[in-house]
């Protein structure tokens, strides 16, 4: 598989840290952590081992961040699963 080369602006590390401080969702924070570690020079394989995640997980979120920004890391796994029935029903 060919190596992916990212175009990384200079202020990206600071931007990621700001997003991590503001984010409340732990899933998104974990994704930002993977991006932050990559920006610190940690190899994807090492990130995978440190986070106990698959290579696909790490690569997917790093690529998504550099292609689409922080919005691409949003947690879209589902929502509220409350019943449509009322208490009386």
N, C-alpha and C. Protein backbone atom coordinates (compact mmCIF):
# COMPACT_ATOMS: atom_id res chain seq x y z
N UNK A 1 0.83 -1.16 0.00
CA UNK A 1 0.00 0.00 0.00
C UNK A 1 0.89 1.25 0.00
N UNK A 2 0.60 2.21 -0.86
CA UNK A 2 1.46 3.41 -0.93
C UNK A 2 1.29 4.28 0.31
N UNK A 3 2.34 4.99 0.64
CA UNK A 3 2.29 5.89 1.79
C UNK A 3 1.48 7.12 1.43
N UNK A 4 0.76 7.62 2.40
CA UNK A 4 -0.03 8.83 2.23
C UNK A 4 0.81 10.00 2.70
N UNK A 5 0.87 11.03 1.88
CA UNK A 5 1.60 12.24 2.25
C UNK A 5 0.58 13.34 2.49
N UNK A 6 0.61 13.92 3.68
CA UNK A 6 -0.35 14.94 4.06
C UNK A 6 0.25 16.33 3.92
N UNK A 7 -0.58 17.27 3.54
CA UNK A 7 -0.18 18.67 3.50
C UNK A 7 -0.59 19.28 4.85
N UNK A 8 0.38 19.48 5.73
CA UNK A 8 0.09 19.91 7.10
C UNK A 8 0.52 21.37 7.29
N UNK A 9 -0.46 22.27 7.51
CA UNK A 9 -0.10 23.67 7.80
C UNK A 9 0.64 23.79 9.13
N UNK A 10 1.35 24.88 9.33
CA UNK A 10 2.18 25.06 10.52
C UNK A 10 1.39 25.15 11.83
N UNK A 11 0.23 25.76 11.82
CA UNK A 11 -0.52 25.97 13.06
C UNK A 11 -1.46 24.82 13.39
N UNK A 12 -1.35 23.70 12.72
CA UNK A 12 -2.28 22.59 12.90
C UNK A 12 -2.21 22.01 14.31
N UNK A 13 -1.03 21.86 14.87
CA UNK A 13 -0.89 21.28 16.21
C UNK A 13 -1.63 22.11 17.24
N UNK A 14 -1.48 23.43 17.19
CA UNK A 14 -2.18 24.31 18.13
C UNK A 14 -3.69 24.21 17.93
N UNK A 15 -4.11 24.14 16.69
CA UNK A 15 -5.53 24.02 16.36
C UNK A 15 -6.14 22.75 16.95
N UNK A 16 -5.42 21.65 16.82
CA UNK A 16 -5.90 20.37 17.35
C UNK A 16 -5.99 20.43 18.87
N UNK A 17 -5.03 21.04 19.53
CA UNK A 17 -5.06 21.16 20.99
C UNK A 17 -6.24 22.00 21.46
N UNK A 18 -6.56 23.06 20.71
CA UNK A 18 -7.71 23.89 21.05
C UNK A 18 -8.99 23.08 20.92
N UNK A 19 -9.12 22.32 19.83
CA UNK A 19 -10.31 21.48 19.63
C UNK A 19 -10.43 20.45 20.74
N UNK A 20 -9.31 19.87 21.17
CA UNK A 20 -9.33 18.86 22.23
C UNK A 20 -9.81 19.46 23.55
N UNK A 21 -9.39 20.68 23.85
CA UNK A 21 -9.82 21.33 25.09
C UNK A 21 -11.30 21.66 25.09
N UNK A 22 -11.83 22.00 23.92
CA UNK A 22 -13.23 22.41 23.81
C UNK A 22 -14.18 21.22 23.71
N UNK A 23 -13.70 20.10 23.22
CA UNK A 23 -14.56 18.95 22.93
C UNK A 23 -15.02 18.26 24.21
N UNK A 24 -16.30 17.92 24.26
CA UNK A 24 -16.88 17.22 25.41
C UNK A 24 -17.05 15.72 25.14
N UNK A 25 -17.25 15.35 23.89
CA UNK A 25 -17.50 13.95 23.52
C UNK A 25 -16.20 13.15 23.59
N UNK A 26 -16.15 12.08 24.40
CA UNK A 26 -14.91 11.31 24.54
C UNK A 26 -14.49 10.59 23.26
N UNK A 27 -15.43 10.24 22.41
CA UNK A 27 -15.10 9.57 21.14
C UNK A 27 -14.35 10.53 20.23
N UNK A 28 -14.83 11.74 20.13
CA UNK A 28 -14.18 12.74 19.28
C UNK A 28 -12.83 13.13 19.87
N UNK A 29 -12.75 13.19 21.21
CA UNK A 29 -11.47 13.50 21.86
C UNK A 29 -10.42 12.44 21.53
N UNK A 30 -10.84 11.19 21.50
CA UNK A 30 -9.92 10.11 21.18
C UNK A 30 -9.42 10.24 19.74
N UNK A 31 -10.31 10.60 18.84
CA UNK A 31 -9.93 10.80 17.44
C UNK A 31 -8.96 11.96 17.31
N UNK A 32 -9.21 13.04 18.04
CA UNK A 32 -8.30 14.18 18.03
C UNK A 32 -6.95 13.82 18.65
N UNK A 33 -6.97 12.95 19.65
CA UNK A 33 -5.73 12.49 20.26
C UNK A 33 -4.86 11.75 19.24
N UNK A 34 -5.49 10.92 18.42
CA UNK A 34 -4.74 10.20 17.38
C UNK A 34 -4.10 11.19 16.41
N UNK A 35 -4.84 12.22 16.02
CA UNK A 35 -4.30 13.24 15.11
C UNK A 35 -3.16 13.99 15.80
N UNK A 36 -3.34 14.34 17.07
CA UNK A 36 -2.32 15.07 17.80
C UNK A 36 -1.03 14.26 17.92
N UNK A 37 -1.17 13.00 18.22
CA UNK A 37 0.01 12.13 18.32
C UNK A 37 0.73 12.05 16.97
N UNK A 38 -0.03 11.96 15.89
CA UNK A 38 0.57 11.90 14.55
C UNK A 38 1.34 13.20 14.27
N UNK A 39 0.76 14.33 14.66
CA UNK A 39 1.43 15.62 14.44
C UNK A 39 2.69 15.75 15.30
N UNK A 40 2.74 15.04 16.43
CA UNK A 40 3.92 15.05 17.29
C UNK A 40 5.03 14.15 16.75
N UNK A 41 4.76 13.44 15.66
CA UNK A 41 5.78 12.61 15.04
C UNK A 41 5.68 11.14 15.36
N UNK A 42 4.63 10.72 16.06
CA UNK A 42 4.45 9.31 16.37
C UNK A 42 3.93 8.60 15.12
N UNK A 43 4.51 7.47 14.80
CA UNK A 43 4.09 6.71 13.62
C UNK A 43 2.71 6.11 13.83
N UNK A 44 1.99 5.92 12.74
CA UNK A 44 0.63 5.38 12.83
C UNK A 44 0.60 4.02 13.52
N UNK A 45 1.59 3.18 13.25
CA UNK A 45 1.65 1.87 13.88
C UNK A 45 1.82 1.96 15.38
N UNK A 46 2.60 2.93 15.83
CA UNK A 46 2.79 3.13 17.27
C UNK A 46 1.54 3.71 17.92
N UNK A 47 0.84 4.60 17.20
CA UNK A 47 -0.42 5.15 17.71
C UNK A 47 -1.42 4.02 17.89
N UNK A 48 -1.45 3.14 16.92
CA UNK A 48 -2.36 1.99 16.96
C UNK A 48 -2.11 1.16 18.22
N UNK A 49 -0.86 0.90 18.52
CA UNK A 49 -0.53 0.09 19.69
C UNK A 49 -0.81 0.84 21.00
N UNK A 50 -0.49 2.12 21.04
CA UNK A 50 -0.71 2.90 22.26
C UNK A 50 -2.19 3.07 22.59
N UNK A 51 -3.01 3.21 21.55
CA UNK A 51 -4.44 3.44 21.76
C UNK A 51 -5.25 2.15 21.76
N UNK A 52 -4.60 1.04 21.46
CA UNK A 52 -5.28 -0.26 21.37
C UNK A 52 -6.41 -0.21 20.34
N UNK A 53 -6.08 0.35 19.19
CA UNK A 53 -7.04 0.48 18.09
C UNK A 53 -6.43 -0.14 16.84
N UNK A 54 -7.27 -0.40 15.85
CA UNK A 54 -6.79 -0.99 14.60
C UNK A 54 -6.10 0.07 13.74
N UNK A 55 -5.32 -0.40 12.80
CA UNK A 55 -4.65 0.50 11.87
C UNK A 55 -5.68 1.26 11.05
N UNK A 56 -6.80 0.60 10.74
CA UNK A 56 -7.85 1.24 9.97
C UNK A 56 -8.45 2.41 10.75
N UNK A 57 -8.66 2.25 12.05
CA UNK A 57 -9.21 3.31 12.88
C UNK A 57 -8.29 4.53 12.85
N UNK A 58 -7.03 4.30 13.11
CA UNK A 58 -6.06 5.40 13.18
C UNK A 58 -5.95 6.09 11.83
N UNK A 59 -5.78 5.34 10.78
CA UNK A 59 -5.62 5.92 9.44
C UNK A 59 -6.86 6.66 8.98
N UNK A 60 -8.03 6.11 9.28
CA UNK A 60 -9.28 6.74 8.86
C UNK A 60 -9.43 8.13 9.45
N UNK A 61 -9.20 8.27 10.75
CA UNK A 61 -9.44 9.56 11.40
C UNK A 61 -8.35 10.57 11.11
N UNK A 62 -7.12 10.12 10.93
CA UNK A 62 -6.05 11.05 10.57
C UNK A 62 -6.31 11.59 9.16
N UNK A 63 -6.64 10.71 8.24
CA UNK A 63 -6.92 11.12 6.87
C UNK A 63 -8.15 12.03 6.82
N UNK A 64 -9.19 11.68 7.57
CA UNK A 64 -10.41 12.50 7.59
C UNK A 64 -10.10 13.91 8.09
N UNK A 65 -9.27 14.02 9.11
CA UNK A 65 -8.94 15.33 9.65
C UNK A 65 -8.21 16.19 8.61
N UNK A 66 -7.24 15.62 7.95
CA UNK A 66 -6.46 16.40 7.00
C UNK A 66 -7.21 16.69 5.70
N UNK A 67 -8.20 15.89 5.38
CA UNK A 67 -8.99 16.14 4.17
C UNK A 67 -10.16 17.09 4.42
N UNK A 68 -10.82 16.96 5.59
CA UNK A 68 -12.06 17.71 5.81
C UNK A 68 -12.06 18.55 7.07
N UNK A 69 -11.05 18.47 7.90
CA UNK A 69 -11.00 19.27 9.11
C UNK A 69 -11.62 18.58 10.30
N UNK A 70 -11.74 19.32 11.39
CA UNK A 70 -12.23 18.77 12.65
C UNK A 70 -13.69 18.30 12.56
N UNK A 71 -14.46 18.88 11.67
CA UNK A 71 -15.86 18.48 11.51
C UNK A 71 -15.99 17.03 11.07
N UNK A 72 -14.99 16.52 10.39
CA UNK A 72 -15.01 15.13 9.91
C UNK A 72 -14.87 14.13 11.05
N UNK A 73 -14.44 14.57 12.22
CA UNK A 73 -14.24 13.68 13.36
C UNK A 73 -15.48 13.58 14.25
N UNK A 74 -16.56 14.23 13.86
CA UNK A 74 -17.78 14.23 14.67
C UNK A 74 -18.30 12.81 14.89
N UNK A 75 -18.95 12.62 16.02
CA UNK A 75 -19.50 11.31 16.39
C UNK A 75 -20.89 11.17 15.78
N UNK A 76 -21.00 10.41 14.71
CA UNK A 76 -22.27 10.21 14.02
C UNK A 76 -22.75 8.78 14.13
N UNK A 77 -22.54 8.17 15.30
CA UNK A 77 -22.85 6.75 15.46
C UNK A 77 -24.30 6.47 15.82
N UNK A 78 -25.08 7.44 15.99
CA UNK A 78 -26.47 7.20 16.35
C UNK A 78 -26.94 8.26 17.31
N UNK A 79 -28.17 8.13 17.72
CA UNK A 79 -28.71 9.17 18.58
C UNK A 79 -29.53 8.61 19.72
N UNK A 80 -30.55 9.33 20.02
CA UNK A 80 -31.42 8.99 21.13
C UNK A 80 -32.33 7.84 20.73
N UNK A 81 -32.42 6.83 21.58
CA UNK A 81 -33.25 5.66 21.28
C UNK A 81 -34.38 5.52 22.29
N UNK A 82 -34.97 6.65 22.65
CA UNK A 82 -36.10 6.60 23.57
C UNK A 82 -37.32 6.09 22.85
N UNK A 83 -38.23 5.54 23.59
CA UNK A 83 -39.46 5.00 23.03
C UNK A 83 -40.36 6.13 22.54
N UNK A 84 -41.09 5.85 21.46
CA UNK A 84 -42.06 6.79 20.96
C UNK A 84 -43.38 6.71 21.74
N UNK A 85 -43.52 5.71 22.57
CA UNK A 85 -44.73 5.54 23.35
C UNK A 85 -44.68 6.42 24.59
N UNK A 86 -45.85 6.83 25.04
CA UNK A 86 -45.91 7.61 26.26
C UNK A 86 -45.96 6.65 27.45
N UNK A 87 -45.85 7.17 28.65
CA UNK A 87 -45.92 6.34 29.84
C UNK A 87 -47.27 5.63 29.96
N UNK A 88 -48.32 6.30 29.51
CA UNK A 88 -49.67 5.72 29.58
C UNK A 88 -49.85 4.52 28.65
N UNK A 89 -49.23 4.58 27.50
CA UNK A 89 -49.37 3.51 26.50
C UNK A 89 -48.61 2.29 26.93
